[in-house]
Amino acid sequence: MNVYEIVTEKIVKLLEQGIVPWRRPWTSTGLPRNLVSKKPYRGVNVFLLSASKYISPFWLTMRQANEIGGHIRKGEESTAVVFWKIEDAKRSTEDLDAEETDKKTRRRFLLRFYRVWNLEQCELPQSVLDKLPKIETHQHDPIEAVEKIIAEMPNPPEILRAGSKAFYSPITDRVTLPPRELFISAEEEACTAAHEIIHATGHQKRLAREGICEAAPFGSPVYSKEELCAELGAAYLCAEAGISNAVIHNQAAYLAGWLNKLRDDRKLLIHAAAQAQRATDFILNRIFAD
């Protein structure tokens, strides 16, 4: 597998998970950057590293970890970051499947990659860790009504607290949420959890919704309808829990973004709302008509 395939596969997998980067009602940990040089990563590397399961934005090479008196934990997997290496096209003929040539200068730009590890995968001296900026956290108690709704859902998916992304994976039938303390409020945490739980109802063993059971390209009508369904369903569940007023503005802005993309489809909202109601009924274990 060449570098292009590695990058493409990573991006496709992320989009298939349904991660929507512009809806993040939790504390941002900042752009990914090198722990030693403090320089932020650029280009597609920002996307690749941000898509990891780790909360910390700091990354480093194995050599850097060793040089500052630490080490990578045994068994930890690395993440590839890419860069362009410039060579004289006349003197080099390697890697023809991963290059671009500047015809004016006859220079060749070869795509290369190296491997880095996240701070959370390393054992580093406390003196190094003490100098790093602290991640903002929030103290709040979970909303009991929402916790009860999720706990009593029939045939529920696995729920995992990890990383700094919220998404549902149909392959593993798992909802992943950031740790509770990263959310800016209990209401936003509940709304995010509800959004991903609605997605989970589309699994083949539950309601078998097209947007979950079939491959839907990012931004396509099927993908967009599924996102609308999830957000409308989250609004319904929040209303059931009595917290709809606290999150309605964010939900409205989010829905407006999708509706603007598909404003010519007059039936989109009606169909998505019907799917959202069915998903909500499933979670609440209500009898509904087919």
C-alpha atoms as a PDB file:
ATOM      1  CA  MET A   1       0.000   0.000   0.000  1.00  0.00           C
ATOM      2  CA  ASN A   2       1.509   3.387  -1.001  1.00  0.00           C
ATOM      3  CA  VAL A   3       1.250   6.646   0.914  1.00  0.00           C
ATOM      4  CA  TYR A   4      -1.749   7.905  -1.061  1.00  0.00           C
ATOM      5  CA  GLU A   5      -3.690   4.755  -0.259  1.00  0.00           C
ATOM      6  CA  ILE A   6      -2.817   5.017   3.442  1.00  0.00           C
ATOM      7  CA  VAL A   7      -4.102   8.591   3.632  1.00  0.00           C
ATOM      8  CA  THR A   8      -7.193   7.916   1.524  1.00  0.00           C
ATOM      9  CA  GLU A   9      -8.166   4.852   3.538  1.00  0.00           C
ATOM     10  CA  LYS A  10      -7.870   6.798   6.792  1.00  0.00           C
ATOM     11  CA  ILE A  11     -10.087   9.624   5.541  1.00  0.00           C
ATOM     12  CA  VAL A  12     -12.704   7.292   4.071  1.00  0.00           C
ATOM     13  CA  LYS A  13     -12.931   5.320   7.303  1.00  0.00           C
ATOM     14  CA  LEU A  14     -13.408   8.506   9.300  1.00  0.00           C
ATOM     15  CA  LEU A  15     -16.207   9.763   7.072  1.00  0.00           C
ATOM     16  CA  GLU A  16     -17.855   6.345   7.137  1.00  0.00           C
ATOM     17  CA  GLN A  17     -18.013   6.612  10.929  1.00  0.00           C
ATOM     18  CA  GLY A  18     -20.240   9.646  10.581  1.00  0.00           C
ATOM     19  CA  ILE A  19     -17.936  12.060  12.388  1.00  0.00           C
ATOM     20  CA  VAL A  20     -19.119  15.618  11.733  1.00  0.00           C
ATOM     21  CA  PRO A  21     -16.267  17.923  12.776  1.00  0.00           C
ATOM     22  CA  TRP A  22     -18.228  21.186  12.929  1.00  0.00           C
ATOM     23  CA  ARG A  23     -20.526  20.002  15.731  1.00  0.00           C
ATOM     24  CA  ARG A  24     -18.375  19.819  18.851  1.00  0.00           C
ATOM     25  CA  PRO A  25     -20.166  20.878  22.067  1.00  0.00           C
ATOM     26  CA  TRP A  26     -17.162  19.839  24.132  1.00  0.00           C
ATOM     27  CA  THR A  27     -13.823  21.406  24.979  1.00  0.00           C
ATOM     28  CA  SER A  28     -11.408  21.647  22.085  1.00  0.00           C
ATOM     29  CA  THR A  29      -7.903  20.404  22.843  1.00  0.00           C
ATOM     30  CA  GLY A  30      -6.398  22.468  20.038  1.00  0.00           C
ATOM     31  CA  LEU A  31      -4.813  21.556  16.731  1.00  0.00           C
ATOM     32  CA  PRO A  32      -2.404  18.586  16.741  1.00  0.00           C
ATOM     33  CA  ARG A  33       1.190  19.700  17.229  1.00  0.00           C
ATOM     34  CA  ASN A  34       4.618  18.285  17.931  1.00  0.00           C
ATOM     35  CA  LEU A  35       5.363  18.031  21.636  1.00  0.00           C
ATOM     36  CA  VAL A  36       9.052  18.907  21.284  1.00  0.00           C
ATOM     37  CA  SER A  37       9.079  21.621  18.605  1.00  0.00           C
ATOM     38  CA  LYS A  38       5.569  22.883  19.521  1.00  0.00           C
ATOM     39  CA  LYS A  39       4.953  23.366  15.783  1.00  0.00           C
ATOM     40  CA  PRO A  40       1.433  22.504  14.574  1.00  0.00           C
ATOM     41  CA  TYR A  41       1.067  19.849  11.900  1.00  0.00           C
ATOM     42  CA  ARG A  42      -0.177  21.070   8.534  1.00  0.00           C
ATOM     43  CA  GLY A  43      -2.234  19.965   5.569  1.00  0.00           C
ATOM     44  CA  VAL A  44      -3.835  16.554   5.624  1.00  0.00           C
ATOM     45  CA  ASN A  45      -1.848  15.706   8.782  1.00  0.00           C
ATOM     46  CA  VAL A  46      -4.218  17.907  10.799  1.00  0.00           C
ATOM     47  CA  PHE A  47      -7.095  15.743   9.634  1.00  0.00           C
ATOM     48  CA  LEU A  48      -5.294  12.443  10.150  1.00  0.00           C
ATOM     49  CA  LEU A  49      -4.117  13.215  13.682  1.00  0.00           C
ATOM     50  CA  SER A  50      -7.355  14.881  14.773  1.00  0.00           C
ATOM     51  CA  ALA A  51      -9.187  11.701  13.804  1.00  0.00           C
ATOM     52  CA  SER A  52      -7.338   9.659  16.415  1.00  0.00           C
ATOM     53  CA  LYS A  53      -8.918   8.306  19.590  1.00  0.00           C
ATOM     54  CA  TYR A  54      -6.646  10.399  21.827  1.00  0.00           C
ATOM     55  CA  ILE A  55      -7.583  13.545  23.717  1.00  0.00           C
ATOM     56  CA  SER A  56      -4.096  15.069  23.874  1.00  0.00           C
ATOM     57  CA  PRO A  57      -3.107  17.202  20.852  1.00  0.00           C
ATOM     58  CA  PHE A  58       0.610  16.439  21.369  1.00  0.00           C
ATOM     59  CA  TRP A  59       2.549  13.995  19.159  1.00  0.00           C
ATOM     60  CA  LEU A  60       6.203  12.987  18.881  1.00  0.00           C
ATOM     61  CA  THR A  61       8.495  10.530  17.155  1.00  0.00           C
ATOM     62  CA  MET A  62      10.127   7.599  18.922  1.00  0.00           C
ATOM     63  CA  ARG A  63      13.474   9.368  18.710  1.00  0.00           C
ATOM     64  CA  GLN A  64      12.052  12.501  20.318  1.00  0.00           C
ATOM     65  CA  ALA A  65      10.508  10.459  23.141  1.00  0.00           C
ATOM     66  CA  ASN A  66      13.868   8.838  23.829  1.00  0.00           C
ATOM     67  CA  GLU A  67      15.775  12.133  23.647  1.00  0.00           C
ATOM     68  CA  ILE A  68      13.653  13.761  26.356  1.00  0.00           C
ATOM     69  CA  GLY A  69      14.112  10.792  28.669  1.00  0.00           C
ATOM     70  CA  GLY A  70      10.960   8.854  27.931  1.00  0.00           C
ATOM     71  CA  HIS A  71       9.768   6.017  25.726  1.00  0.00           C
ATOM     72  CA  ILE A  72       6.799   4.695  23.754  1.00  0.00           C
ATOM     73  CA  ARG A  73       4.798   2.096  25.678  1.00  0.00           C
ATOM     74  CA  LYS A  74       5.277  -1.428  24.395  1.00  0.00           C
ATOM     75  CA  GLY A  75       2.661  -2.506  21.866  1.00  0.00           C
ATOM     76  CA  GLU A  76       1.413   1.005  21.033  1.00  0.00           C
ATOM     77  CA  GLU A  77       0.560   1.571  17.360  1.00  0.00           C
ATOM     78  CA  SER A  78       1.934   4.583  15.511  1.00  0.00           C
ATOM     79  CA  THR A  79       0.140   7.053  13.256  1.00  0.00           C
ATOM     80  CA  ALA A  80       1.557   8.085   9.888  1.00  0.00           C
ATOM     81  CA  VAL A  81       2.095  11.750   8.985  1.00  0.00           C
ATOM     82  CA  VAL A  82       3.130  12.792   5.492  1.00  0.00           C
ATOM     83  CA  PHE A  83       5.500  15.324   3.943  1.00  0.00           C
ATOM     84  CA  TRP A  84       6.907  16.211   0.527  1.00  0.00           C
ATOM     85  CA  LYS A  85      10.540  15.438  -0.296  1.00  0.00           C
ATOM     86  CA  ILE A  86      12.038  17.421  -3.176  1.00  0.00           C
ATOM     87  CA  GLU A  87      14.457  15.669  -5.547  1.00  0.00           C
ATOM     88  CA  ASP A  88      16.010  16.299  -8.939  1.00  0.00           C
ATOM     89  CA  ALA A  89      13.803  14.391 -11.415  1.00  0.00           C
ATOM     90  CA  LYS A  90      16.787  13.629 -13.655  1.00  0.00           C
ATOM     91  CA  ARG A  91      18.730  11.812 -10.964  1.00  0.00           C
ATOM     92  CA  SER A  92      15.967   9.814  -9.305  1.00  0.00           C
ATOM     93  CA  THR A  93      13.488   7.296 -10.707  1.00  0.00           C
ATOM     94  CA  GLU A  94      12.034   5.777  -7.536  1.00  0.00           C
ATOM     95  CA  ASP A  95       8.452   5.865  -6.268  1.00  0.00           C
ATOM     96  CA  LEU A  96       6.814   6.724  -9.576  1.00  0.00           C
ATOM     97  CA  ASP A  97       3.397   6.029  -8.020  1.00  0.00           C
ATOM     98  CA  ALA A  98       3.820   8.709  -5.355  1.00  0.00           C
ATOM     99  CA  GLU A  99       5.228  11.773  -7.057  1.00  0.00           C
ATOM    100  CA  GLU A 100       4.483  15.057  -8.794  1.00  0.00           C
ATOM    101  CA  THR A 101       6.910  16.828 -11.135  1.00  0.00           C
ATOM    102  CA  ASP A 102       7.433  20.548 -11.627  1.00  0.00           C
ATOM    103  CA  LYS A 103       8.061  20.726 -15.399  1.00  0.00           C
ATOM    104  CA  LYS A 104       9.711  24.148 -15.209  1.00  0.00           C
ATOM    105  CA  THR A 105      12.402  23.238 -12.687  1.00  0.00           C
ATOM    106  CA  ARG A 106      12.474  19.471 -13.339  1.00  0.00           C
ATOM    107  CA  ARG A 107      12.153  18.934  -9.606  1.00  0.00           C
ATOM    108  CA  ARG A 108      10.199  15.988  -8.298  1.00  0.00           C
ATOM    109  CA  PHE A 109       8.004  16.130  -5.200  1.00  0.00           C
ATOM    110  CA  LEU A 110       7.926  12.725  -3.545  1.00  0.00           C
ATOM    111  CA  LEU A 111       5.282  12.002  -0.946  1.00  0.00           C
ATOM    112  CA  ARG A 112       6.880  10.455   2.134  1.00  0.00           C
ATOM    113  CA  PHE A 113       5.651   9.567   5.586  1.00  0.00           C
ATOM    114  CA  TYR A 114       7.048   8.977   9.050  1.00  0.00           C
ATOM    115  CA  ARG A 115       5.465   7.692  12.232  1.00  0.00           C
ATOM    116  CA  VAL A 116       4.461   9.499  15.389  1.00  0.00           C
ATOM    117  CA  TRP A 117       2.841   8.555  18.690  1.00  0.00           C
ATOM    118  CA  ASN A 118       0.424  10.495  20.850  1.00  0.00           C
ATOM    119  CA  LEU A 119       1.422  11.755  24.297  1.00  0.00           C
ATOM    120  CA  GLU A 120      -1.056   9.286  25.810  1.00  0.00           C
ATOM    121  CA  GLN A 121       0.945   6.399  24.316  1.00  0.00           C
ATOM    122  CA  CYS A 122       4.167   7.453  26.002  1.00  0.00           C
ATOM    123  CA  GLU A 123       5.897   7.320  29.371  1.00  0.00           C
ATOM    124  CA  LEU A 124       7.571  10.724  29.794  1.00  0.00           C
ATOM    125  CA  PRO A 125       9.344  12.499  32.678  1.00  0.00           C
ATOM    126  CA  GLN A 126       7.010  14.459  34.958  1.00  0.00           C
ATOM    127  CA  SER A 127       9.149  17.556  34.390  1.00  0.00           C
ATOM    128  CA  VAL A 128       8.121  17.457  30.706  1.00  0.00           C
ATOM    129  CA  LEU A 129       4.447  16.861  31.447  1.00  0.00           C
ATOM    130  CA  ASP A 130       4.312  19.719  33.969  1.00  0.00           C
ATOM    131  CA  LYS A 131       5.238  22.230  31.256  1.00  0.00           C
ATOM    132  CA  LEU A 132       2.348  21.283  28.949  1.00  0.00           C
ATOM    133  CA  PRO A 133      -0.824  23.418  28.916  1.00  0.00           C
ATOM    134  CA  LYS A 134      -3.727  21.899  30.806  1.00  0.00           C
ATOM    135  CA  ILE A 135      -6.866  20.793  28.966  1.00  0.00           C
ATOM    136  CA  GLU A 136      -9.957  22.653  30.139  1.00  0.00           C
ATOM    137  CA  THR A 137     -12.444  20.405  31.903  1.00  0.00           C
ATOM    138  CA  HIS A 138     -15.940  20.942  33.280  1.00  0.00           C
ATOM    139  CA  GLN A 139     -17.574  19.508  36.377  1.00  0.00           C
ATOM    140  CA  HIS A 140     -21.240  18.570  36.015  1.00  0.00           C
ATOM    141  CA  ASP A 141     -23.523  15.756  36.967  1.00  0.00           C
ATOM    142  CA  PRO A 142     -25.205  13.661  34.280  1.00  0.00           C
ATOM    143  CA  ILE A 143     -28.881  14.313  33.612  1.00  0.00           C
ATOM    144  CA  GLU A 144     -30.736  11.474  35.267  1.00  0.00           C
ATOM    145  CA  ALA A 145     -33.677  11.443  32.847  1.00  0.00           C
ATOM    146  CA  VAL A 146     -31.389  11.018  29.825  1.00  0.00           C
ATOM    147  CA  GLU A 147     -29.253   8.407  31.557  1.00  0.00           C
ATOM    148  CA  LYS A 148     -32.419   6.444  32.320  1.00  0.00           C
ATOM    149  CA  ILE A 149     -33.629   6.635  28.695  1.00  0.00           C
ATOM    150  CA  ILE A 150     -30.315   5.314  27.380  1.00  0.00           C
ATOM    151  CA  ALA A 151     -30.023   2.630  30.067  1.00  0.00           C
ATOM    152  CA  GLU A 152     -33.498   1.269  29.300  1.00  0.00           C
ATOM    153  CA  MET A 153     -33.073   1.190  25.512  1.00  0.00           C
ATOM    154  CA  PRO A 154     -33.839  -2.317  24.199  1.00  0.00           C
ATOM    155  CA  ASN A 155     -30.990  -4.123  22.450  1.00  0.00           C
ATOM    156  CA  PRO A 156     -28.573  -1.205  23.074  1.00  0.00           C
ATOM    157  CA  PRO A 157     -25.201  -0.653  21.381  1.00  0.00           C
ATOM    158  CA  GLU A 158     -21.945  -0.620  23.322  1.00  0.00           C
ATOM    159  CA  ILE A 159     -21.069   2.841  24.661  1.00  0.00           C
ATOM    160  CA  LEU A 160     -17.394   3.761  25.014  1.00  0.00           C
ATOM    161  CA  ARG A 161     -15.909   6.901  26.586  1.00  0.00           C
ATOM    162  CA  ALA A 162     -12.636   7.712  24.844  1.00  0.00           C
ATOM    163  CA  GLY A 163     -10.843  10.290  22.724  1.00  0.00           C
ATOM    164  CA  SER A 164     -12.195  13.633  21.549  1.00  0.00           C
ATOM    165  CA  LYS A 165     -14.707  12.527  18.897  1.00  0.00           C
ATOM    166  CA  ALA A 166     -18.355  11.522  19.077  1.00  0.00           C
ATOM    167  CA  PHE A 167     -19.535   8.942  16.540  1.00  0.00           C
ATOM    168  CA  TYR A 168     -21.391   5.698  15.976  1.00  0.00           C
ATOM    169  CA  SER A 169     -19.740   2.772  14.168  1.00  0.00           C
ATOM    170  CA  PRO A 170     -22.173   0.312  12.530  1.00  0.00           C
ATOM    171  CA  ILE A 171     -19.314  -2.175  12.046  1.00  0.00           C
ATOM    172  CA  THR A 172     -18.700  -2.562  15.781  1.00  0.00           C
ATOM    173  CA  ASP A 173     -22.180  -1.394  16.827  1.00  0.00           C
ATOM    174  CA  ARG A 174     -20.507   1.007  19.234  1.00  0.00           C
ATOM    175  CA  VAL A 175     -21.162   4.618  20.256  1.00  0.00           C
ATOM    176  CA  THR A 176     -17.989   6.494  21.183  1.00  0.00           C
ATOM    177  CA  LEU A 177     -18.258   9.674  23.255  1.00  0.00           C
ATOM    178  CA  PRO A 178     -15.590  11.992  24.706  1.00  0.00           C
ATOM    179  CA  PRO A 179     -15.122  11.811  28.494  1.00  0.00           C
ATOM    180  CA  ARG A 180     -17.887  13.555  30.420  1.00  0.00           C
ATOM    181  CA  GLU A 181     -15.616  16.278  31.786  1.00  0.00           C
ATOM    182  CA  LEU A 182     -14.818  17.601  28.282  1.00  0.00           C
ATOM    183  CA  PHE A 183     -18.420  18.603  27.567  1.00  0.00           C
ATOM    184  CA  ILE A 184     -19.299  22.234  28.214  1.00  0.00           C
ATOM    185  CA  SER A 185     -22.557  21.291  29.915  1.00  0.00           C
ATOM    186  CA  ALA A 186     -24.602  18.288  30.962  1.00  0.00           C
ATOM    187  CA  GLU A 187     -27.274  19.277  28.434  1.00  0.00           C
ATOM    188  CA  GLU A 188     -24.865  19.279  25.500  1.00  0.00           C
ATOM    189  CA  GLU A 189     -23.432  15.952  26.619  1.00  0.00           C
ATOM    190  CA  ALA A 190     -26.942  14.484  26.740  1.00  0.00           C
ATOM    191  CA  CYS A 191     -27.816  15.864  23.310  1.00  0.00           C
ATOM    192  CA  THR A 192     -24.621  14.467  21.773  1.00  0.00           C
ATOM    193  CA  ALA A 193     -25.245  11.047  23.320  1.00  0.00           C
ATOM    194  CA  ALA A 194     -28.839  11.108  22.067  1.00  0.00           C
ATOM    195  CA  HIS A 195     -27.672  11.984  18.530  1.00  0.00           C
ATOM    196  CA  GLU A 196     -25.331   8.988  18.393  1.00  0.00           C
ATOM    197  CA  ILE A 197     -27.867   6.630  20.007  1.00  0.00           C
ATOM    198  CA  ILE A 198     -30.388   7.588  17.311  1.00  0.00           C
ATOM    199  CA  HIS A 199     -27.788   6.613  14.696  1.00  0.00           C
ATOM    200  CA  ALA A 200     -27.447   3.246  16.434  1.00  0.00           C
ATOM    201  CA  THR A 201     -31.150   2.512  15.948  1.00  0.00           C
ATOM    202  CA  GLY A 202     -30.458   2.293  12.212  1.00  0.00           C
ATOM    203  CA  HIS A 203     -28.347  -0.858  12.617  1.00  0.00           C
ATOM    204  CA  GLN A 204     -29.483  -3.944  10.701  1.00  0.00           C
ATOM    205  CA  LYS A 205     -30.532  -5.692  13.925  1.00  0.00           C
ATOM    206  CA  ARG A 206     -32.746  -2.776  14.954  1.00  0.00           C
ATOM    207  CA  LEU A 207     -34.566  -0.594  12.388  1.00  0.00           C
ATOM    208  CA  ALA A 208     -32.284  -1.314   9.398  1.00  0.00           C
ATOM    209  CA  ARG A 209     -32.192   2.286   8.138  1.00  0.00           C
ATOM    210  CA  GLU A 210     -30.636   2.932   4.730  1.00  0.00           C
ATOM    211  CA  GLY A 211     -28.292   5.633   6.038  1.00  0.00           C
ATOM    212  CA  ILE A 212     -26.643   3.151   8.436  1.00  0.00           C
ATOM    213  CA  CYS A 213     -26.932  -0.189   6.627  1.00  0.00           C
ATOM    214  CA  GLU A 214     -25.629   1.024   3.260  1.00  0.00           C
ATOM    215  CA  ALA A 215     -22.501   2.940   2.293  1.00  0.00           C
ATOM    216  CA  ALA A 216     -23.592   6.566   1.917  1.00  0.00           C
ATOM    217  CA  PRO A 217     -20.973   9.029   0.630  1.00  0.00           C
ATOM    218  CA  PHE A 218     -20.344  12.056   2.837  1.00  0.00           C
ATOM    219  CA  GLY A 219     -22.771  14.846   1.908  1.00  0.00           C
ATOM    220  CA  SER A 220     -25.009  12.612  -0.224  1.00  0.00           C
ATOM    221  CA  PRO A 221     -28.816  12.773   0.161  1.00  0.00           C
ATOM    222  CA  VAL A 222     -28.846   9.460   2.062  1.00  0.00           C
ATOM    223  CA  TYR A 223     -26.039  10.574   4.384  1.00  0.00           C
ATOM    224  CA  SER A 224     -27.689  13.945   4.964  1.00  0.00           C
ATOM    225  CA  LYS A 225     -31.076  12.409   5.684  1.00  0.00           C
ATOM    226  CA  GLU A 226     -29.468  10.155   8.286  1.00  0.00           C
ATOM    227  CA  GLU A 227     -27.817  13.158   9.965  1.00  0.00           C
ATOM    228  CA  LEU A 228     -31.122  15.013   9.985  1.00  0.00           C
ATOM    229  CA  CYS A 229     -32.808  11.954  11.435  1.00  0.00           C
ATOM    230  CA  ALA A 230     -30.197  11.747  14.206  1.00  0.00           C
ATOM    231  CA  GLU A 231     -30.485  15.407  15.161  1.00  0.00           C
ATOM    232  CA  LEU A 232     -34.280  15.462  15.043  1.00  0.00           C
ATOM    233  CA  GLY A 233     -34.330  12.260  17.095  1.00  0.00           C
ATOM    234  CA  ALA A 234     -31.953  13.864  19.607  1.00  0.00           C
ATOM    235  CA  ALA A 235     -34.333  16.816  19.853  1.00  0.00           C
ATOM    236  CA  TYR A 236     -37.241  14.450  20.523  1.00  0.00           C
ATOM    237  CA  LEU A 237     -35.302  12.584  23.227  1.00  0.00           C
ATOM    238  CA  CYS A 238     -34.185  15.844  24.844  1.00  0.00           C
ATOM    239  CA  ALA A 239     -37.821  16.964  24.897  1.00  0.00           C
ATOM    240  CA  GLU A 240     -38.767  13.677  26.593  1.00  0.00           C
ATOM    241  CA  ALA A 241     -36.091  14.382  29.221  1.00  0.00           C
ATOM    242  CA  GLY A 242     -37.245  17.976  29.694  1.00  0.00           C
ATOM    243  CA  ILE A 243     -34.046  19.689  28.488  1.00  0.00           C
ATOM    244  CA  SER A 244     -35.005  20.736  24.949  1.00  0.00           C
ATOM    245  CA  ASN A 245     -34.813  24.486  25.659  1.00  0.00           C
ATOM    246  CA  ALA A 246     -31.159  24.208  26.717  1.00  0.00           C
ATOM    247  CA  VAL A 247     -29.972  22.795  23.379  1.00  0.00           C
ATOM    248  CA  ILE A 248     -32.559  23.881  20.823  1.00  0.00           C
ATOM    249  CA  HIS A 249     -30.452  26.732  19.378  1.00  0.00           C
ATOM    250  CA  ASN A 250     -27.513  24.458  18.605  1.00  0.00           C
ATOM    251  CA  GLN A 251     -29.838  21.878  17.102  1.00  0.00           C
ATOM    252  CA  ALA A 252     -31.540  24.474  14.934  1.00  0.00           C
ATOM    253  CA  ALA A 253     -28.204  25.780  13.624  1.00  0.00           C
ATOM    254  CA  TYR A 254     -27.023  22.247  12.902  1.00  0.00           C
ATOM    255  CA  LEU A 255     -30.206  21.305  11.073  1.00  0.00           C
ATOM    256  CA  ALA A 256     -30.116  24.521   9.058  1.00  0.00           C
ATOM    257  CA  GLY A 257     -26.652  23.620   7.767  1.00  0.00           C
ATOM    258  CA  TRP A 258     -27.904  20.340   6.316  1.00  0.00           C
ATOM    259  CA  LEU A 259     -31.135  21.809   4.989  1.00  0.00           C
ATOM    260  CA  ASN A 260     -29.241  24.506   3.105  1.00  0.00           C
ATOM    261  CA  LYS A 261     -27.343  21.814   1.227  1.00  0.00           C
ATOM    262  CA  LEU A 262     -30.516  20.037   0.180  1.00  0.00           C
ATOM    263  CA  ARG A 263     -33.039  22.876   0.108  1.00  0.00           C
ATOM    264  CA  ASP A 264     -34.413  21.692  -3.219  1.00  0.00           C
ATOM    265  CA  ASP A 265     -35.609  18.434  -1.683  1.00  0.00           C
ATOM    266  CA  ARG A 266     -38.980  19.425  -0.241  1.00  0.00           C
ATOM    267  CA  LYS A 267     -39.635  15.967   1.193  1.00  0.00           C
ATOM    268  CA  LEU A 268     -36.338  15.619   3.027  1.00  0.00           C
ATOM    269  CA  LEU A 269     -37.409  17.052   6.377  1.00  0.00           C
ATOM    270  CA  ILE A 270     -40.705  15.145   6.412  1.00  0.00           C
ATOM    271  CA  HIS A 271     -39.013  11.807   5.721  1.00  0.00           C
ATOM    272  CA  ALA A 272     -36.188  12.466   8.205  1.00  0.00           C
ATOM    273  CA  ALA A 273     -38.695  13.478  10.894  1.00  0.00           C
ATOM    274  CA  ALA A 274     -40.665  10.265  10.360  1.00  0.00           C
ATOM    275  CA  GLN A 275     -37.488   8.193  10.705  1.00  0.00           C
ATOM    276  CA  ALA A 276     -36.500  10.158  13.806  1.00  0.00           C
ATOM    277  CA  GLN A 277     -39.880   9.515  15.431  1.00  0.00           C
ATOM    278  CA  ARG A 278     -39.601   5.799  14.706  1.00  0.00           C
ATOM    279  CA  ALA A 279     -36.068   5.739  16.143  1.00  0.00           C
ATOM    280  CA  THR A 280     -37.209   7.596  19.259  1.00  0.00           C
ATOM    281  CA  ASP A 281     -40.094   5.162  19.747  1.00  0.00           C
ATOM    282  CA  PHE A 282     -37.657   2.267  19.474  1.00  0.00           C
ATOM    283  CA  ILE A 283     -35.366   3.719  22.159  1.00  0.00           C
ATOM    284  CA  LEU A 284     -38.326   4.423  24.456  1.00  0.00           C
ATOM    285  CA  ASN A 285     -39.630   0.907  23.786  1.00  0.00           C
ATOM    286  CA  ARG A 286     -42.936   2.181  22.484  1.00  0.00           C
ATOM    287  CA  ILE A 287     -45.160   0.225  20.085  1.00  0.00           C
ATOM    288  CA  PHE A 288     -45.294   1.928  16.709  1.00  0.00           C
ATOM    289  CA  ALA A 289     -47.040   1.193  13.451  1.00  0.00           C
ATOM    290  CA  ASP A 290     -45.076   0.053  10.420  1.00  0.00           C
END
